[in-house]
N, C-alpha and C. Protein backbone atom coordinates (compact mmCIF):
# COMPACT_ATOMS: atom_id res chain seq x y z
N MET A 1 -9.80 -9.82 18.58
CA MET A 1 -10.25 -10.52 19.77
C MET A 1 -10.98 -9.54 20.69
N THR A 2 -12.06 -9.97 21.22
CA THR A 2 -12.80 -9.16 22.18
C THR A 2 -12.20 -9.35 23.56
N ALA A 3 -11.91 -8.25 24.23
CA ALA A 3 -11.34 -8.31 25.57
C ALA A 3 -12.42 -7.95 26.59
N ASP A 4 -12.23 -8.44 27.80
CA ASP A 4 -13.17 -8.14 28.87
C ASP A 4 -12.96 -6.76 29.46
N LEU A 5 -11.74 -6.23 29.29
CA LEU A 5 -11.41 -4.88 29.75
C LEU A 5 -10.49 -4.24 28.72
N GLU A 6 -10.85 -3.05 28.27
CA GLU A 6 -10.04 -2.31 27.29
C GLU A 6 -9.39 -1.13 28.00
N LEU A 7 -8.06 -1.03 27.88
CA LEU A 7 -7.33 0.10 28.44
C LEU A 7 -6.79 0.95 27.30
N ASP A 8 -7.17 2.19 27.26
CA ASP A 8 -6.69 3.11 26.23
C ASP A 8 -5.49 3.87 26.78
N CYS A 9 -4.32 3.42 26.40
CA CYS A 9 -3.07 4.04 26.88
C CYS A 9 -2.37 4.80 25.76
N ARG A 10 -3.13 5.21 24.75
CA ARG A 10 -2.56 6.01 23.66
C ARG A 10 -2.00 7.31 24.24
N GLY A 11 -0.78 7.65 23.82
CA GLY A 11 -0.17 8.89 24.28
C GLY A 11 0.55 8.78 25.61
N LEU A 12 0.45 7.65 26.29
CA LEU A 12 1.16 7.45 27.55
C LEU A 12 2.50 6.79 27.27
N PHE A 13 3.54 7.25 27.94
CA PHE A 13 4.88 6.73 27.70
C PHE A 13 5.32 5.83 28.85
N CYS A 14 6.29 5.00 28.56
CA CYS A 14 6.88 4.06 29.50
C CYS A 14 7.18 4.78 30.82
N PRO A 15 6.76 4.21 31.90
CA PRO A 15 6.16 2.90 32.12
C PRO A 15 4.65 2.93 32.31
N ARG A 16 3.98 4.01 31.95
CA ARG A 16 2.55 4.18 32.24
C ARG A 16 1.66 3.06 31.71
N PRO A 17 1.82 2.54 30.45
CA PRO A 17 0.94 1.45 30.02
C PRO A 17 1.01 0.23 30.94
N VAL A 18 2.22 -0.13 31.37
CA VAL A 18 2.37 -1.28 32.26
C VAL A 18 1.78 -0.97 33.64
N ILE A 19 1.96 0.24 34.11
CA ILE A 19 1.39 0.62 35.40
C ILE A 19 -0.14 0.53 35.34
N GLU A 20 -0.73 1.03 34.26
CA GLU A 20 -2.19 0.94 34.09
C GLU A 20 -2.64 -0.52 34.10
N LEU A 21 -1.93 -1.37 33.37
CA LEU A 21 -2.26 -2.80 33.33
C LEU A 21 -2.16 -3.40 34.73
N ALA A 22 -1.08 -3.13 35.43
CA ALA A 22 -0.88 -3.69 36.77
C ALA A 22 -1.97 -3.23 37.75
N GLN A 23 -2.37 -1.98 37.65
CA GLN A 23 -3.38 -1.44 38.56
C GLN A 23 -4.77 -1.97 38.26
N ARG A 24 -5.02 -2.35 37.01
CA ARG A 24 -6.41 -2.65 36.64
C ARG A 24 -6.69 -4.12 36.32
N ILE A 25 -5.66 -4.97 36.24
CA ILE A 25 -5.90 -6.37 35.88
C ILE A 25 -6.80 -7.06 36.89
N GLY A 26 -6.80 -6.60 38.12
CA GLY A 26 -7.66 -7.17 39.15
C GLY A 26 -9.14 -6.92 38.92
N GLU A 27 -9.47 -6.08 37.95
CA GLU A 27 -10.88 -5.80 37.64
C GLU A 27 -11.53 -6.92 36.82
N VAL A 28 -10.72 -7.82 36.27
CA VAL A 28 -11.27 -8.94 35.51
C VAL A 28 -11.08 -10.23 36.28
N GLU A 29 -11.91 -11.21 35.99
CA GLU A 29 -11.83 -12.51 36.64
C GLU A 29 -10.68 -13.32 36.04
N VAL A 30 -10.20 -14.30 36.79
CA VAL A 30 -9.20 -15.23 36.27
C VAL A 30 -9.77 -15.88 35.00
N GLY A 31 -8.97 -15.91 33.94
CA GLY A 31 -9.40 -16.46 32.65
C GLY A 31 -9.87 -15.40 31.67
N GLN A 32 -10.16 -14.21 32.16
CA GLN A 32 -10.59 -13.12 31.29
C GLN A 32 -9.38 -12.36 30.76
N THR A 33 -9.64 -11.51 29.75
CA THR A 33 -8.54 -10.80 29.10
C THR A 33 -8.65 -9.30 29.24
N VAL A 34 -7.46 -8.68 29.19
CA VAL A 34 -7.32 -7.23 29.20
C VAL A 34 -6.59 -6.86 27.92
N ALA A 35 -7.07 -5.83 27.22
CA ALA A 35 -6.39 -5.30 26.04
C ALA A 35 -5.85 -3.93 26.38
N VAL A 36 -4.58 -3.72 26.05
CA VAL A 36 -3.93 -2.44 26.29
C VAL A 36 -3.57 -1.83 24.94
N ALA A 37 -4.27 -0.78 24.54
CA ALA A 37 -3.95 -0.07 23.30
C ALA A 37 -2.91 0.98 23.63
N SER A 38 -1.74 0.89 22.98
CA SER A 38 -0.64 1.79 23.34
C SER A 38 0.14 2.23 22.11
N THR A 39 0.43 3.52 22.06
CA THR A 39 1.27 4.09 21.00
C THR A 39 2.73 4.08 21.38
N ASP A 40 3.05 3.69 22.60
CA ASP A 40 4.44 3.66 23.08
C ASP A 40 5.13 2.40 22.57
N ALA A 41 6.21 2.57 21.80
CA ALA A 41 6.93 1.43 21.23
C ALA A 41 7.47 0.50 22.31
N ALA A 42 7.80 1.03 23.48
CA ALA A 42 8.34 0.20 24.56
C ALA A 42 7.32 -0.81 25.08
N ALA A 43 6.05 -0.56 24.88
CA ALA A 43 5.01 -1.47 25.36
C ALA A 43 5.15 -2.85 24.73
N ALA A 44 5.68 -2.92 23.52
CA ALA A 44 5.87 -4.20 22.83
C ALA A 44 6.81 -5.11 23.60
N TYR A 45 7.71 -4.54 24.39
CA TYR A 45 8.65 -5.31 25.21
C TYR A 45 8.19 -5.36 26.66
N ASP A 46 7.68 -4.24 27.13
CA ASP A 46 7.33 -4.12 28.55
C ASP A 46 6.16 -5.01 28.96
N ILE A 47 5.12 -5.07 28.14
CA ILE A 47 3.93 -5.84 28.53
C ILE A 47 4.22 -7.33 28.56
N PRO A 48 4.86 -7.92 27.53
CA PRO A 48 5.20 -9.34 27.64
C PRO A 48 6.14 -9.62 28.83
N ALA A 49 7.10 -8.73 29.09
CA ALA A 49 8.01 -8.92 30.22
C ALA A 49 7.25 -8.86 31.54
N TRP A 50 6.31 -7.94 31.66
CA TRP A 50 5.51 -7.84 32.88
C TRP A 50 4.73 -9.13 33.08
N CYS A 51 4.16 -9.67 32.00
CA CYS A 51 3.41 -10.93 32.10
C CYS A 51 4.29 -12.06 32.62
N ARG A 52 5.51 -12.17 32.10
CA ARG A 52 6.43 -13.22 32.56
C ARG A 52 6.76 -13.03 34.04
N MET A 53 7.01 -11.81 34.45
CA MET A 53 7.39 -11.54 35.84
C MET A 53 6.23 -11.74 36.80
N ARG A 54 5.01 -11.48 36.35
CA ARG A 54 3.83 -11.53 37.22
C ARG A 54 3.01 -12.80 37.06
N GLY A 55 3.45 -13.72 36.18
CA GLY A 55 2.75 -14.98 36.01
C GLY A 55 1.42 -14.87 35.29
N GLN A 56 1.29 -13.87 34.43
CA GLN A 56 0.08 -13.72 33.62
C GLN A 56 0.39 -14.19 32.19
N GLU A 57 -0.61 -14.44 31.39
CA GLU A 57 -0.41 -14.95 30.04
C GLU A 57 -0.47 -13.83 29.01
N TYR A 58 0.62 -13.66 28.29
CA TYR A 58 0.63 -12.71 27.17
C TYR A 58 0.04 -13.45 25.97
N VAL A 59 -1.10 -12.99 25.50
CA VAL A 59 -1.82 -13.66 24.42
C VAL A 59 -1.26 -13.26 23.05
N GLY A 60 -0.91 -11.98 22.90
CA GLY A 60 -0.36 -11.51 21.64
C GLY A 60 -0.74 -10.07 21.38
N THR A 61 -0.46 -9.66 20.16
CA THR A 61 -0.71 -8.29 19.74
C THR A 61 -1.55 -8.30 18.48
N GLU A 62 -2.48 -7.35 18.40
CA GLU A 62 -3.26 -7.16 17.18
C GLU A 62 -3.54 -5.67 17.05
N PRO A 63 -3.76 -5.21 15.83
CA PRO A 63 -4.06 -3.79 15.66
C PRO A 63 -5.49 -3.45 16.08
N ASP A 64 -5.65 -2.30 16.70
CA ASP A 64 -6.99 -1.79 17.00
C ASP A 64 -7.58 -1.24 15.71
N ASN A 65 -8.79 -0.77 15.74
CA ASN A 65 -9.46 -0.25 14.55
C ASN A 65 -8.69 0.88 13.88
N ASP A 66 -7.94 1.65 14.68
CA ASP A 66 -7.18 2.77 14.12
C ASP A 66 -5.72 2.40 13.83
N GLY A 67 -5.38 1.12 13.95
CA GLY A 67 -4.04 0.65 13.65
C GLY A 67 -3.09 0.65 14.83
N VAL A 68 -3.49 1.20 15.96
CA VAL A 68 -2.65 1.22 17.16
C VAL A 68 -2.58 -0.21 17.71
N PRO A 69 -1.38 -0.65 18.11
CA PRO A 69 -1.26 -2.01 18.66
C PRO A 69 -2.08 -2.18 19.94
N ARG A 70 -2.73 -3.34 20.02
CA ARG A 70 -3.47 -3.78 21.22
C ARG A 70 -2.74 -4.99 21.77
N TYR A 71 -2.27 -4.89 23.00
CA TYR A 71 -1.55 -5.98 23.65
C TYR A 71 -2.54 -6.72 24.53
N LEU A 72 -2.67 -8.02 24.31
CA LEU A 72 -3.69 -8.82 24.97
C LEU A 72 -3.08 -9.68 26.07
N VAL A 73 -3.67 -9.58 27.25
CA VAL A 73 -3.19 -10.30 28.43
C VAL A 73 -4.34 -11.06 29.05
N ARG A 74 -4.11 -12.36 29.34
CA ARG A 74 -5.12 -13.16 30.04
C ARG A 74 -4.70 -13.28 31.50
N ARG A 75 -5.62 -12.98 32.38
CA ARG A 75 -5.35 -13.11 33.82
C ARG A 75 -5.40 -14.59 34.18
N VAL A 76 -4.32 -15.09 34.76
CA VAL A 76 -4.28 -16.49 35.17
C VAL A 76 -4.17 -16.67 36.68
N SER A 77 -3.97 -15.59 37.39
CA SER A 77 -3.92 -15.70 38.86
C SER A 77 -4.39 -14.39 39.48
């Protein structure tokens, strides 16, 4: 899936990927998506939980070209 904003959080550990997402989601319009590429295993739990707490839509996970998980979030508010 093509995202409107790509965040490269490879090598960053909890809670940095979620902090990066929280700080930068405002850069996209409502309805657009942010992809967070993260090597931190905790991101698989933290990003969906952040979406639930902040009222954003967790779209899912897919591998990036190098196999690193990309967590996809749609801005809804």
